[in-house]
Amino acid sequence: MEVRGEARAMFAAILLLIAGVLNVIYGIAAISNADFFNHQTAYVVFGLGFWGWVTLLIGLVQLTGGYSLFSGGVYGRTVGIIAATLGAIESLLSIGGSYPFWSLGIFALCLIVLHGLIVYGEPLER
């Protein structure tokens, strides 16, 4: 049985890898309190270091999901959907930070990945 959207799943895997790398860089910069961030930003729930660790861990999960998607198994698809969902939620929570358009860009990447992974796997004929 042929499956629809295999190329879309590979595209989603590449986008998930890109989002993972960006989140890892963003998380490391937040953990180290780099000059990249505006220090006058007030965080409602936790500080910059906490959000840096959260972003770094989500980025690592996204990298794992992206690499496992290349194998084409159900595990990769499941981890990819979970990683993209966590990335989308995390980027929406950090929209009030120093760089809101960066967060919106990561959110858009995660939505495209989610669409590609959820649609992938349907048979060509119903």
N, C-alpha and C. Protein backbone atom coordinates (compact mmCIF):
# COMPACT_ATOMS: atom_id res chain seq x y z
N MET A 1 0.84 -1.17 0.00
CA MET A 1 0.00 0.00 0.00
C MET A 1 0.90 1.24 0.00
N GLU A 2 0.64 2.14 -0.96
CA GLU A 2 1.41 3.37 -1.04
C GLU A 2 0.86 4.40 -0.07
N VAL A 3 1.75 5.18 0.47
CA VAL A 3 1.39 6.17 1.48
C VAL A 3 1.57 7.56 0.89
N ARG A 4 0.62 8.41 1.17
CA ARG A 4 0.64 9.77 0.66
C ARG A 4 1.51 10.65 1.56
N GLY A 5 2.28 11.54 0.97
CA GLY A 5 2.98 12.56 1.72
C GLY A 5 4.33 12.18 2.28
N GLU A 6 5.03 11.25 1.67
CA GLU A 6 6.35 10.90 2.18
C GLU A 6 7.33 12.05 2.04
N ALA A 7 7.25 12.77 0.92
CA ALA A 7 8.13 13.92 0.74
C ALA A 7 7.79 15.03 1.72
N ARG A 8 6.52 15.17 2.03
CA ARG A 8 6.09 16.17 3.01
C ARG A 8 6.63 15.82 4.39
N ALA A 9 6.70 14.55 4.71
CA ALA A 9 7.25 14.15 6.01
C ALA A 9 8.75 14.43 6.07
N MET A 10 9.47 14.25 4.96
CA MET A 10 10.89 14.58 4.94
C MET A 10 11.10 16.09 5.08
N PHE A 11 10.22 16.86 4.43
CA PHE A 11 10.28 18.31 4.57
C PHE A 11 10.00 18.71 6.02
N ALA A 12 9.04 18.06 6.64
CA ALA A 12 8.74 18.33 8.05
C ALA A 12 9.92 17.95 8.94
N ALA A 13 10.62 16.87 8.60
CA ALA A 13 11.78 16.47 9.38
C ALA A 13 12.89 17.52 9.29
N ILE A 14 13.10 18.05 8.10
CA ILE A 14 14.13 19.08 7.93
C ILE A 14 13.74 20.34 8.68
N LEU A 15 12.47 20.74 8.60
CA LEU A 15 12.02 21.91 9.34
C LEU A 15 12.10 21.70 10.85
N LEU A 16 11.84 20.48 11.29
CA LEU A 16 11.95 20.18 12.72
C LEU A 16 13.40 20.26 13.18
N LEU A 17 14.32 19.82 12.33
CA LEU A 17 15.74 19.96 12.65
C LEU A 17 16.15 21.44 12.72
N ILE A 18 15.64 22.24 11.79
CA ILE A 18 15.96 23.67 11.81
C ILE A 18 15.41 24.32 13.08
N ALA A 19 14.16 24.01 13.42
CA ALA A 19 13.56 24.57 14.64
C ALA A 19 14.33 24.10 15.87
N GLY A 20 14.78 22.85 15.87
CA GLY A 20 15.55 22.34 17.00
C GLY A 20 16.87 23.06 17.16
N VAL A 21 17.58 23.29 16.05
CA VAL A 21 18.86 24.01 16.12
C VAL A 21 18.64 25.44 16.61
N LEU A 22 17.61 26.10 16.09
CA LEU A 22 17.33 27.47 16.52
C LEU A 22 16.96 27.53 17.99
N ASN A 23 16.19 26.56 18.47
CA ASN A 23 15.82 26.54 19.89
C ASN A 23 17.01 26.23 20.78
N VAL A 24 17.92 25.37 20.31
CA VAL A 24 19.11 25.08 21.10
C VAL A 24 19.97 26.34 21.22
N ILE A 25 20.16 27.05 20.12
CA ILE A 25 20.95 28.29 20.16
C ILE A 25 20.27 29.32 21.06
N TYR A 26 18.97 29.47 20.92
CA TYR A 26 18.20 30.42 21.72
C TYR A 26 18.26 30.04 23.20
N GLY A 27 18.18 28.75 23.50
CA GLY A 27 18.24 28.30 24.89
C GLY A 27 19.60 28.52 25.51
N ILE A 28 20.67 28.25 24.76
CA ILE A 28 22.03 28.47 25.28
C ILE A 28 22.26 29.95 25.54
N ALA A 29 21.77 30.79 24.63
CA ALA A 29 21.92 32.24 24.82
C ALA A 29 21.14 32.70 26.04
N ALA A 30 19.98 32.13 26.29
CA ALA A 30 19.19 32.54 27.45
C ALA A 30 19.81 32.05 28.75
N ILE A 31 20.39 30.86 28.74
CA ILE A 31 21.02 30.32 29.95
C ILE A 31 22.24 31.16 30.33
N SER A 32 23.01 31.59 29.34
CA SER A 32 24.23 32.33 29.62
C SER A 32 23.98 33.82 29.83
N ASN A 33 22.71 34.25 29.83
CA ASN A 33 22.36 35.67 29.99
C ASN A 33 23.14 36.54 29.02
N ALA A 34 23.15 36.15 27.77
CA ALA A 34 23.89 36.86 26.74
C ALA A 34 23.30 38.25 26.52
N ASP A 35 24.09 39.11 25.91
CA ASP A 35 23.62 40.46 25.58
C ASP A 35 22.57 40.44 24.49
N PHE A 36 22.28 39.26 23.98
CA PHE A 36 21.26 39.06 22.96
C PHE A 36 19.88 39.46 23.48
N PHE A 37 19.70 39.36 24.80
CA PHE A 37 18.40 39.63 25.40
C PHE A 37 18.37 41.01 26.02
N ASN A 38 17.19 41.58 26.04
CA ASN A 38 16.97 42.85 26.70
C ASN A 38 16.78 42.57 28.19
N HIS A 39 17.65 43.10 29.02
CA HIS A 39 17.59 42.78 30.44
C HIS A 39 16.48 43.52 31.18
N GLN A 40 15.78 44.40 30.50
CA GLN A 40 14.68 45.11 31.14
C GLN A 40 13.36 44.38 30.98
N THR A 41 13.39 43.22 30.35
CA THR A 41 12.17 42.45 30.16
C THR A 41 11.78 41.78 31.49
N ALA A 42 10.54 41.91 31.86
CA ALA A 42 10.04 41.29 33.10
C ALA A 42 9.31 40.00 32.73
N TYR A 43 9.70 38.90 33.35
CA TYR A 43 9.06 37.62 33.10
C TYR A 43 8.03 37.38 34.19
N VAL A 44 6.86 36.94 33.79
CA VAL A 44 5.75 36.81 34.72
C VAL A 44 5.92 35.59 35.62
N VAL A 45 6.23 34.44 35.02
CA VAL A 45 6.23 33.20 35.78
C VAL A 45 7.62 32.86 36.31
N PHE A 46 8.59 32.73 35.42
CA PHE A 46 9.95 32.35 35.81
C PHE A 46 10.93 33.29 35.15
N GLY A 47 12.19 33.16 35.49
CA GLY A 47 13.22 34.03 34.95
C GLY A 47 13.76 33.54 33.61
N LEU A 48 14.73 34.27 33.11
CA LEU A 48 15.31 33.99 31.81
C LEU A 48 16.05 32.66 31.80
N GLY A 49 16.73 32.32 32.89
CA GLY A 49 17.46 31.06 32.96
C GLY A 49 16.55 29.84 32.86
N PHE A 50 15.41 29.91 33.52
CA PHE A 50 14.46 28.80 33.46
C PHE A 50 13.95 28.61 32.03
N TRP A 51 13.55 29.70 31.38
CA TRP A 51 13.05 29.59 30.00
C TRP A 51 14.16 29.16 29.05
N GLY A 52 15.40 29.50 29.39
CA GLY A 52 16.52 29.01 28.58
C GLY A 52 16.65 27.50 28.65
N TRP A 53 16.53 26.94 29.85
CA TRP A 53 16.60 25.48 30.00
C TRP A 53 15.43 24.79 29.33
N VAL A 54 14.24 25.38 29.46
CA VAL A 54 13.06 24.80 28.80
C VAL A 54 13.25 24.80 27.29
N THR A 55 13.72 25.93 26.76
CA THR A 55 13.94 26.03 25.31
C THR A 55 15.02 25.07 24.84
N LEU A 56 16.07 24.93 25.62
CA LEU A 56 17.14 24.00 25.25
C LEU A 56 16.65 22.56 25.23
N LEU A 57 15.88 22.15 26.23
CA LEU A 57 15.37 20.78 26.28
C LEU A 57 14.38 20.51 25.14
N ILE A 58 13.52 21.48 24.85
CA ILE A 58 12.58 21.30 23.74
C ILE A 58 13.33 21.24 22.43
N GLY A 59 14.38 22.04 22.29
CA GLY A 59 15.20 21.98 21.08
C GLY A 59 15.87 20.62 20.91
N LEU A 60 16.33 20.03 22.01
CA LEU A 60 16.94 18.70 21.92
C LEU A 60 15.91 17.64 21.55
N VAL A 61 14.69 17.76 22.08
CA VAL A 61 13.62 16.83 21.71
C VAL A 61 13.28 17.00 20.23
N GLN A 62 13.28 18.24 19.75
CA GLN A 62 13.01 18.48 18.34
C GLN A 62 14.11 17.90 17.46
N LEU A 63 15.35 18.01 17.86
CA LEU A 63 16.44 17.40 17.10
C LEU A 63 16.30 15.89 17.06
N THR A 64 15.96 15.29 18.20
CA THR A 64 15.74 13.84 18.24
C THR A 64 14.59 13.43 17.34
N GLY A 65 13.49 14.19 17.38
CA GLY A 65 12.35 13.90 16.53
C GLY A 65 12.68 14.05 15.05
N GLY A 66 13.44 15.07 14.71
CA GLY A 66 13.82 15.27 13.31
C GLY A 66 14.69 14.15 12.78
N TYR A 67 15.69 13.74 13.57
CA TYR A 67 16.55 12.63 13.14
C TYR A 67 15.78 11.32 13.05
N SER A 68 14.88 11.09 13.98
CA SER A 68 14.14 9.83 13.94
C SER A 68 13.08 9.81 12.84
N LEU A 69 12.68 10.97 12.35
CA LEU A 69 11.73 11.00 11.24
C LEU A 69 12.34 10.48 9.94
N PHE A 70 13.65 10.61 9.81
CA PHE A 70 14.30 10.13 8.59
C PHE A 70 14.19 8.62 8.42
N SER A 71 13.99 7.90 9.53
CA SER A 71 13.81 6.45 9.43
C SER A 71 12.42 6.10 8.93
N GLY A 72 11.46 7.00 9.11
CA GLY A 72 10.11 6.81 8.59
C GLY A 72 9.20 5.97 9.44
N GLY A 73 9.58 5.66 10.65
CA GLY A 73 8.76 4.83 11.51
C GLY A 73 7.73 5.63 12.29
N VAL A 74 6.90 4.89 13.01
CA VAL A 74 5.86 5.51 13.82
C VAL A 74 6.48 6.26 14.99
N TYR A 75 7.59 5.75 15.52
CA TYR A 75 8.26 6.42 16.64
C TYR A 75 8.69 7.82 16.24
N GLY A 76 9.28 7.96 15.07
CA GLY A 76 9.72 9.27 14.60
C GLY A 76 8.58 10.23 14.40
N ARG A 77 7.49 9.71 13.87
CA ARG A 77 6.32 10.54 13.66
C ARG A 77 5.73 10.99 14.99
N THR A 78 5.65 10.09 15.95
CA THR A 78 5.10 10.42 17.26
C THR A 78 5.98 11.44 17.99
N VAL A 79 7.28 11.20 18.00
CA VAL A 79 8.20 12.13 18.65
C VAL A 79 8.18 13.47 17.93
N GLY A 80 8.07 13.45 16.62
CA GLY A 80 7.99 14.69 15.85
C GLY A 80 6.75 15.50 16.18
N ILE A 81 5.62 14.84 16.30
CA ILE A 81 4.37 15.55 16.64
C ILE A 81 4.46 16.11 18.05
N ILE A 82 4.98 15.34 18.99
CA ILE A 82 5.12 15.81 20.36
C ILE A 82 6.10 16.99 20.43
N ALA A 83 7.23 16.87 19.72
CA ALA A 83 8.24 17.93 19.74
C ALA A 83 7.71 19.21 19.10
N ALA A 84 7.00 19.09 18.00
CA ALA A 84 6.46 20.28 17.34
C ALA A 84 5.37 20.93 18.20
N THR A 85 4.57 20.12 18.88
CA THR A 85 3.55 20.66 19.77
C THR A 85 4.18 21.41 20.94
N LEU A 86 5.19 20.80 21.56
CA LEU A 86 5.89 21.46 22.67
C LEU A 86 6.58 22.73 22.20
N GLY A 87 7.17 22.69 21.02
CA GLY A 87 7.83 23.88 20.48
C GLY A 87 6.85 25.00 20.21
N ALA A 88 5.67 24.66 19.69
CA ALA A 88 4.66 25.68 19.42
C ALA A 88 4.15 26.30 20.71
N ILE A 89 3.90 25.48 21.72
CA ILE A 89 3.42 26.00 23.00
C ILE A 89 4.49 26.87 23.65
N GLU A 90 5.73 26.41 23.63
CA GLU A 90 6.82 27.17 24.24
C GLU A 90 7.04 28.50 23.54
N SER A 91 6.94 28.51 22.21
CA SER A 91 7.16 29.76 21.50
C SER A 91 6.01 30.74 21.74
N LEU A 92 4.81 30.25 21.92
CA LEU A 92 3.71 31.15 22.26
C LEU A 92 3.86 31.71 23.67
N LEU A 93 4.41 30.91 24.58
CA LEU A 93 4.61 31.41 25.94
C LEU A 93 5.74 32.44 26.00
N SER A 94 6.67 32.41 25.08
CA SER A 94 7.78 33.36 25.10
C SER A 94 7.56 34.53 24.15
N ILE A 95 6.35 34.73 23.69
CA ILE A 95 6.07 35.82 22.76
C ILE A 95 6.23 37.19 23.43
N GLY A 96 6.04 37.26 24.72
CA GLY A 96 6.18 38.53 25.43
C GLY A 96 7.60 38.85 25.81
N GLY A 97 8.55 38.07 25.37
CA GLY A 97 9.96 38.27 25.72
C GLY A 97 10.62 39.35 24.88
N SER A 98 11.91 39.23 24.72
CA SER A 98 12.69 40.24 24.03
C SER A 98 12.45 40.27 22.53
N TYR A 99 12.25 39.11 21.94
CA TYR A 99 12.11 39.03 20.48
C TYR A 99 10.81 38.30 20.12
N PRO A 100 9.70 39.01 20.04
CA PRO A 100 8.43 38.33 19.77
C PRO A 100 8.34 37.78 18.34
N PHE A 101 8.98 38.41 17.38
CA PHE A 101 8.90 37.92 16.01
C PHE A 101 9.70 36.63 15.82
N TRP A 102 10.76 36.46 16.61
CA TRP A 102 11.50 35.21 16.61
C TRP A 102 10.59 34.09 17.10
N SER A 103 9.85 34.36 18.15
CA SER A 103 8.93 33.36 18.70
C SER A 103 7.82 33.04 17.71
N LEU A 104 7.32 34.04 17.01
CA LEU A 104 6.28 33.79 15.99
C LEU A 104 6.83 32.97 14.83
N GLY A 105 8.09 33.20 14.47
CA GLY A 105 8.71 32.40 13.41
C GLY A 105 8.84 30.94 13.80
N ILE A 106 9.28 30.68 15.01
CA ILE A 106 9.39 29.31 15.50
C ILE A 106 8.00 28.67 15.60
N PHE A 107 7.01 29.45 16.02
CA PHE A 107 5.64 28.95 16.08
C PHE A 107 5.15 28.54 14.69
N ALA A 108 5.42 29.36 13.69
CA ALA A 108 5.01 29.03 12.32
C ALA A 108 5.72 27.78 11.81
N LEU A 109 7.02 27.64 12.11
CA LEU A 109 7.74 26.42 11.73
C LEU A 109 7.11 25.19 12.36
N CYS A 110 6.77 25.29 13.63
CA CYS A 110 6.18 24.14 14.33
C CYS A 110 4.81 23.79 13.77
N LEU A 111 4.03 24.79 13.37
CA LEU A 111 2.72 24.50 12.78
C LEU A 111 2.86 23.81 11.42
N ILE A 112 3.82 24.24 10.62
CA ILE A 112 4.05 23.59 9.33
C ILE A 112 4.49 22.14 9.54
N VAL A 113 5.34 21.92 10.53
CA VAL A 113 5.78 20.56 10.84
C VAL A 113 4.60 19.71 11.30
N LEU A 114 3.75 20.26 12.17
CA LEU A 114 2.58 19.53 12.64
C LEU A 114 1.67 19.15 11.49
N HIS A 115 1.42 20.08 10.59
CA HIS A 115 0.56 19.78 9.44
C HIS A 115 1.16 18.67 8.59
N GLY A 116 2.46 18.75 8.33
CA GLY A 116 3.10 17.73 7.51
C GLY A 116 3.09 16.36 8.14
N LEU A 117 3.22 16.29 9.46
CA LEU A 117 3.27 14.99 10.13
C LEU A 117 1.89 14.39 10.37
N ILE A 118 0.91 15.23 10.56
CA ILE A 118 -0.43 14.70 10.80
C ILE A 118 -1.06 14.22 9.51
N VAL A 119 -0.82 14.92 8.42
CA VAL A 119 -1.38 14.52 7.13
C VAL A 119 -0.65 13.29 6.58
N TYR A 120 0.63 13.15 6.91
CA TYR A 120 1.44 12.02 6.44
C TYR A 120 0.91 10.71 7.02
N GLY A 121 0.88 9.70 6.20
CA GLY A 121 0.49 8.37 6.67
C GLY A 121 -0.84 7.90 6.17
N GLU A 122 -1.55 8.76 5.45
CA GLU A 122 -2.84 8.33 4.90
C GLU A 122 -2.60 7.54 3.61
N PRO A 123 -3.38 6.51 3.37
CA PRO A 123 -3.21 5.77 2.12
C PRO A 123 -3.65 6.61 0.92
N LEU A 124 -3.08 6.27 -0.25
CA LEU A 124 -3.43 7.01 -1.47
C LEU A 124 -4.89 6.83 -1.85
N GLU A 125 -5.39 5.62 -1.69
CA GLU A 125 -6.78 5.34 -2.02
C GLU A 125 -7.57 5.05 -0.75
N ARG A 126 -8.78 5.54 -0.73
CA ARG A 126 -9.62 5.30 0.46
C ARG A 126 -10.62 4.24 0.17
